[in-house]
Amino acid sequence: MEPFVTMGLVLKETRYREADRILTILTPKLGVITAMAANSLRLKSKLFSACGLFCYSEFTLVPGRNMYTVREAEVQNIFHGVSSSIEGVSLAMYLTEMAAALSPTGEEAARELRLVLNSLYMISEHRTDLRVIKAVFELRTMSECGFMPQIVCCRDCGTYDEGDAFYLDAQEGHLLCASCAAKAGKNCNLDKAALFALRHICLVEDKKIFAFKISVGSLAKLSAVAENYALTHLDKPLKSYTFLKSVLP
């Protein structure tokens, strides 16, 4: 079959035999694919850098029966700053594992790819608190995958932002104001600032997704809700989660 060229981000690399790697790559047109990078672990290989974890590269791929084969690869961005801290690396591992689990296979995934790239850029350049990046990625990924929470108004009474406390149900994805939450026997898990940030993350256009400010206290509430919401809707636990929580509680 004829080779073709695609951009792609390496979400996972697995050593195979002595010097080969099996790559999980997120591409804009084909979603998540698997590719064999033969001899890419050899230092003199032209594939060595471009096939590394978190590398955004231009790949020339040859289709195969079970996976693609990497014929050529050229680095576009390596996100060097990600590896400057254990917290940054751990978060990047968590985000890419979640992307691999939730992004489509065999169909377009340009928006999912853009979100991962923007998140890795924010980690690499130390642009904002890592907890902000994590919450943004969790909520936006869930929204892109069809699990957007119903956050415009209270499910029961229809109020938009009356009061200072709110409750987001992780399982059902609906919002309750403090009064309706009390009637339902639920403890509020969001303050007004955290709710506004949550709405911003889920609803704003891509290029403005990180353009908000939030206090430490409200960020703690947003982080807890975002994490709980994402993990509730995943089919299985993420391997990277436990270690991430040990370095970024």
Protein backbone atom coordinates (compact mmCIF):
# COMPACT_ATOMS: atom_id res chain seq x y z
CA MET A 1 0.00 0.00 0.00
CA GLU A 2 1.11 3.55 -0.69
CA PRO A 3 2.80 5.57 2.07
CA PHE A 4 1.21 8.83 3.21
CA VAL A 5 2.22 11.81 5.34
CA THR A 6 0.46 12.98 8.51
CA MET A 7 1.20 15.13 11.51
CA GLY A 8 0.95 13.34 14.82
CA LEU A 9 1.70 13.44 18.53
CA VAL A 10 3.30 10.44 20.23
CA LEU A 11 1.04 9.58 23.17
CA LYS A 12 2.80 6.36 24.14
CA GLU A 13 5.93 4.45 23.23
CA THR A 14 6.54 0.78 24.01
CA ARG A 15 9.90 -0.88 23.53
CA TYR A 16 9.76 -3.89 21.24
CA ARG A 17 12.65 -6.26 20.75
CA GLU A 18 16.10 -4.73 20.99
CA ALA A 19 15.74 -1.37 19.25
CA ASP A 20 12.17 -1.04 17.94
CA ARG A 21 9.28 0.96 19.34
CA ILE A 22 5.53 0.56 19.00
CA LEU A 23 3.98 4.01 19.04
CA THR A 24 0.51 5.23 19.88
CA ILE A 25 0.04 8.40 17.80
CA LEU A 26 -2.78 10.94 17.81
CA THR A 27 -3.36 12.28 14.30
CA PRO A 28 -5.77 14.95 13.01
CA LYS A 29 -7.47 12.82 10.32
CA LEU A 30 -7.20 9.24 11.59
CA GLY A 31 -7.47 9.77 15.33
CA VAL A 32 -5.46 7.34 17.45
CA ILE A 33 -3.29 4.94 15.46
CA THR A 34 -0.56 2.38 16.25
CA ALA A 35 2.71 2.34 14.33
CA MET A 36 5.94 0.35 14.37
CA ALA A 37 9.14 2.43 14.40
CA ALA A 38 11.86 -0.08 13.55
CA ASN A 39 15.35 0.59 14.97
CA SER A 40 14.15 3.93 16.36
CA LEU A 41 15.90 3.32 19.70
CA ARG A 42 19.30 3.34 18.04
CA LEU A 43 21.02 6.68 18.66
CA LYS A 44 22.06 7.00 15.02
CA SER A 45 18.54 6.33 13.75
CA LYS A 46 16.83 9.19 11.92
CA LEU A 47 13.69 8.21 13.82
CA PHE A 48 15.23 8.41 17.29
CA SER A 49 14.05 11.90 18.32
CA ALA A 50 10.91 12.22 16.21
CA CYS A 51 9.38 9.04 17.65
CA GLY A 52 9.92 9.95 21.29
CA LEU A 53 7.18 10.40 23.87
CA PHE A 54 5.37 13.79 23.64
CA CYS A 55 7.01 14.52 20.25
CA TYR A 56 4.86 16.26 17.68
CA SER A 57 6.24 15.12 14.33
CA GLU A 58 5.54 14.77 10.64
CA PHE A 59 5.28 11.05 9.94
CA THR A 60 5.51 9.17 6.67
CA LEU A 61 3.54 6.00 7.31
CA VAL A 62 2.99 2.77 5.41
CA PRO A 63 -0.31 0.98 6.13
CA GLY A 64 -0.07 -2.63 7.31
CA ARG A 65 -2.38 -5.44 8.32
CA ASN A 66 -2.39 -4.68 12.07
CA MET A 67 -0.54 -1.38 12.35
CA TYR A 68 1.29 1.26 10.38
CA THR A 69 5.04 1.34 9.82
CA VAL A 70 6.99 4.57 10.25
CA ARG A 71 9.13 5.10 7.15
CA GLU A 72 10.25 8.66 7.96
CA ALA A 73 9.66 11.14 10.77
CA GLU A 74 10.64 14.77 11.28
CA VAL A 75 10.32 16.62 14.60
CA GLN A 76 8.06 19.67 14.74
CA ASN A 77 7.97 20.21 18.52
CA ILE A 78 9.44 18.24 21.43
CA PHE A 79 8.07 20.33 24.36
CA HIS A 80 11.41 20.30 26.17
CA GLY A 81 10.05 22.15 29.21
CA VAL A 82 7.72 19.29 30.13
CA SER A 83 10.66 17.31 31.53
CA SER A 84 11.90 20.16 33.74
CA SER A 85 9.86 18.90 36.71
CA ILE A 86 8.46 15.58 37.88
CA GLU A 87 5.07 17.26 38.28
CA GLY A 88 5.10 18.40 34.66
CA VAL A 89 6.10 14.98 33.33
CA SER A 90 3.48 13.25 35.50
CA LEU A 91 0.73 15.57 34.29
CA ALA A 92 1.79 15.11 30.66
CA MET A 93 1.65 11.33 31.10
CA TYR A 94 -1.84 11.63 32.60
CA LEU A 95 -3.14 13.88 29.82
CA THR A 96 -1.74 11.75 27.01
CA GLU A 97 -3.08 8.54 28.58
CA MET A 98 -6.52 10.13 28.85
CA ALA A 99 -6.28 11.33 25.25
CA ALA A 100 -5.35 7.83 24.08
CA ALA A 101 -8.33 6.38 25.95
CA LEU A 102 -10.93 8.89 24.77
CA SER A 103 -9.90 10.07 21.30
CA PRO A 104 -11.54 8.35 18.33
CA THR A 105 -9.85 5.70 16.20
CA GLY A 106 -10.13 5.82 12.42
CA GLU A 107 -11.83 9.20 12.27
CA GLU A 108 -11.04 12.90 12.59
CA ALA A 109 -9.58 14.05 15.90
CA ALA A 110 -8.22 17.50 15.06
CA ARG A 111 -9.85 19.19 18.07
CA GLU A 112 -8.64 16.52 20.47
CA LEU A 113 -5.11 16.83 19.06
CA ARG A 114 -5.18 20.62 19.36
CA LEU A 115 -6.25 20.40 23.01
CA VAL A 116 -3.41 18.01 23.90
CA LEU A 117 -0.86 20.15 22.05
CA ASN A 118 -2.05 23.33 23.75
CA SER A 119 -1.93 21.63 27.15
CA LEU A 120 1.60 20.32 26.60
CA TYR A 121 2.65 23.79 25.48
CA MET A 122 1.23 25.32 28.66
CA ILE A 123 3.11 22.74 30.77
CA SER A 124 6.34 23.17 28.81
CA GLU A 125 6.31 26.97 28.97
CA HIS A 126 5.15 27.14 32.61
CA ARG A 127 2.31 29.46 31.58
CA THR A 128 -0.08 28.69 34.43
CA ASP A 129 -0.69 26.49 37.46
CA LEU A 130 -0.51 22.79 36.58
CA ARG A 131 -3.82 22.26 38.38
CA VAL A 132 -5.47 24.71 36.00
CA ILE A 133 -4.09 22.81 32.99
CA LYS A 134 -5.29 19.51 34.45
CA ALA A 135 -8.82 20.80 35.14
CA VAL A 136 -9.10 22.44 31.73
CA PHE A 137 -8.01 19.27 29.97
CA GLU A 138 -10.33 17.01 31.97
CA LEU A 139 -13.43 19.13 31.46
CA ARG A 140 -12.78 20.04 27.84
CA THR A 141 -11.92 16.47 26.88
CA MET A 142 -15.12 15.19 28.44
CA SER A 143 -17.08 17.87 26.59
CA GLU A 144 -15.44 17.04 23.26
CA CYS A 145 -16.20 13.34 23.77
CA GLY A 146 -19.91 13.87 24.31
CA PHE A 147 -19.98 14.15 28.10
CA MET A 148 -20.44 17.91 28.44
CA PRO A 149 -22.13 18.63 31.79
CA GLN A 150 -25.40 20.57 31.81
CA ILE A 151 -24.06 23.73 33.46
CA VAL A 152 -26.12 26.60 32.04
CA CYS A 153 -28.60 26.67 34.92
CA CYS A 154 -29.95 24.73 37.88
CA ARG A 155 -31.73 21.61 36.67
CA ASP A 156 -34.61 21.96 39.12
CA CYS A 157 -35.40 25.68 39.36
CA GLY A 158 -33.62 27.15 36.33
CA THR A 159 -31.58 29.79 38.18
CA TYR A 160 -28.37 30.84 36.41
CA ASP A 161 -26.07 32.11 39.16
CA GLU A 162 -28.19 32.94 42.19
CA GLY A 163 -26.34 32.27 45.44
CA ASP A 164 -22.70 31.52 46.18
CA ALA A 165 -22.65 27.71 46.13
CA PHE A 166 -23.63 25.04 43.62
CA TYR A 167 -23.52 21.28 43.12
CA LEU A 168 -22.41 19.41 39.99
CA ASP A 169 -23.48 15.78 39.88
CA ALA A 170 -20.54 13.84 38.42
CA GLN A 171 -22.62 10.85 37.34
CA GLU A 172 -25.57 12.65 35.78
CA GLY A 173 -23.77 15.84 34.75
CA HIS A 174 -26.45 18.24 35.98
CA LEU A 175 -26.13 21.42 38.05
CA LEU A 176 -28.08 22.32 41.19
CA CYS A 177 -28.18 25.62 43.05
CA ALA A 178 -27.61 25.55 46.82
CA SER A 179 -31.32 25.49 47.62
CA CYS A 180 -32.13 22.63 45.25
CA ALA A 181 -29.00 20.75 46.31
CA ALA A 182 -30.12 20.92 49.93
CA LYS A 183 -33.55 19.58 48.98
CA ALA A 184 -31.84 16.71 47.16
CA GLY A 185 -29.57 15.99 50.12
CA LYS A 186 -26.40 17.01 48.27
CA ASN A 187 -23.46 19.03 49.58
CA CYS A 188 -22.37 21.86 47.29
CA ASN A 189 -18.99 21.31 45.62
CA LEU A 190 -18.60 24.56 43.62
CA ASP A 191 -18.49 28.23 44.53
CA LYS A 192 -19.55 30.92 42.04
CA ALA A 193 -16.03 31.55 40.70
CA ALA A 194 -15.43 27.83 40.14
CA LEU A 195 -18.77 27.54 38.32
CA PHE A 196 -17.93 30.48 36.05
CA ALA A 197 -14.54 28.91 35.28
CA LEU A 198 -16.21 25.57 34.54
CA ARG A 199 -18.61 27.25 32.11
CA HIS A 200 -15.73 29.06 30.46
CA ILE A 201 -13.73 25.84 29.97
CA CYS A 202 -16.63 23.89 28.49
CA LEU A 203 -18.16 26.58 26.29
CA VAL A 204 -15.51 29.06 25.11
CA GLU A 205 -13.73 28.82 21.74
CA ASP A 206 -10.50 26.83 21.68
CA LYS A 207 -8.05 29.73 21.53
CA LYS A 208 -9.45 31.27 24.74
CA ILE A 209 -9.67 28.11 26.79
CA PHE A 210 -6.89 29.05 29.25
CA ALA A 211 -7.83 32.76 29.37
CA PHE A 212 -9.34 32.99 32.84
CA LYS A 213 -8.20 33.75 36.37
CA ILE A 214 -9.25 31.94 39.51
CA SER A 215 -8.34 32.13 43.20
CA VAL A 216 -6.56 29.33 45.01
CA GLY A 217 -9.67 28.40 46.97
CA SER A 218 -11.93 28.29 43.92
CA LEU A 219 -9.30 26.37 41.95
CA ALA A 220 -9.29 23.67 44.63
CA LYS A 221 -13.05 23.22 44.18
CA LEU A 222 -12.81 23.30 40.38
CA SER A 223 -9.95 20.76 40.40
CA ALA A 224 -11.81 18.31 42.60
CA VAL A 225 -15.00 18.51 40.52
CA ALA A 226 -13.15 18.26 37.18
CA GLU A 227 -11.16 15.22 38.27
CA ASN A 228 -14.18 13.44 39.72
CA TYR A 229 -16.24 14.18 36.62
CA ALA A 230 -13.58 12.88 34.22
CA LEU A 231 -12.74 9.73 36.18
CA THR A 232 -16.43 8.92 36.62
CA HIS A 233 -16.92 8.73 32.86
CA LEU A 234 -13.80 6.77 31.95
CA ASP A 235 -14.26 3.08 31.17
CA LYS A 236 -11.25 2.06 33.27
CA PRO A 237 -8.77 3.71 35.66
CA LEU A 238 -5.73 5.48 34.23
CA LYS A 239 -2.38 3.91 35.15
CA SER A 240 -0.77 7.35 35.47
CA TYR A 241 -3.33 8.69 37.95
CA THR A 242 -1.91 7.26 41.19
CA PHE A 243 1.58 8.61 40.62
CA LEU A 244 0.26 11.99 39.48
CA LYS A 245 -1.67 12.34 42.73
CA SER A 246 1.46 11.51 44.71
CA VAL A 247 3.35 14.47 43.22
CA LEU A 248 0.47 16.85 42.44
CA PRO A 249 -2.14 16.30 45.17
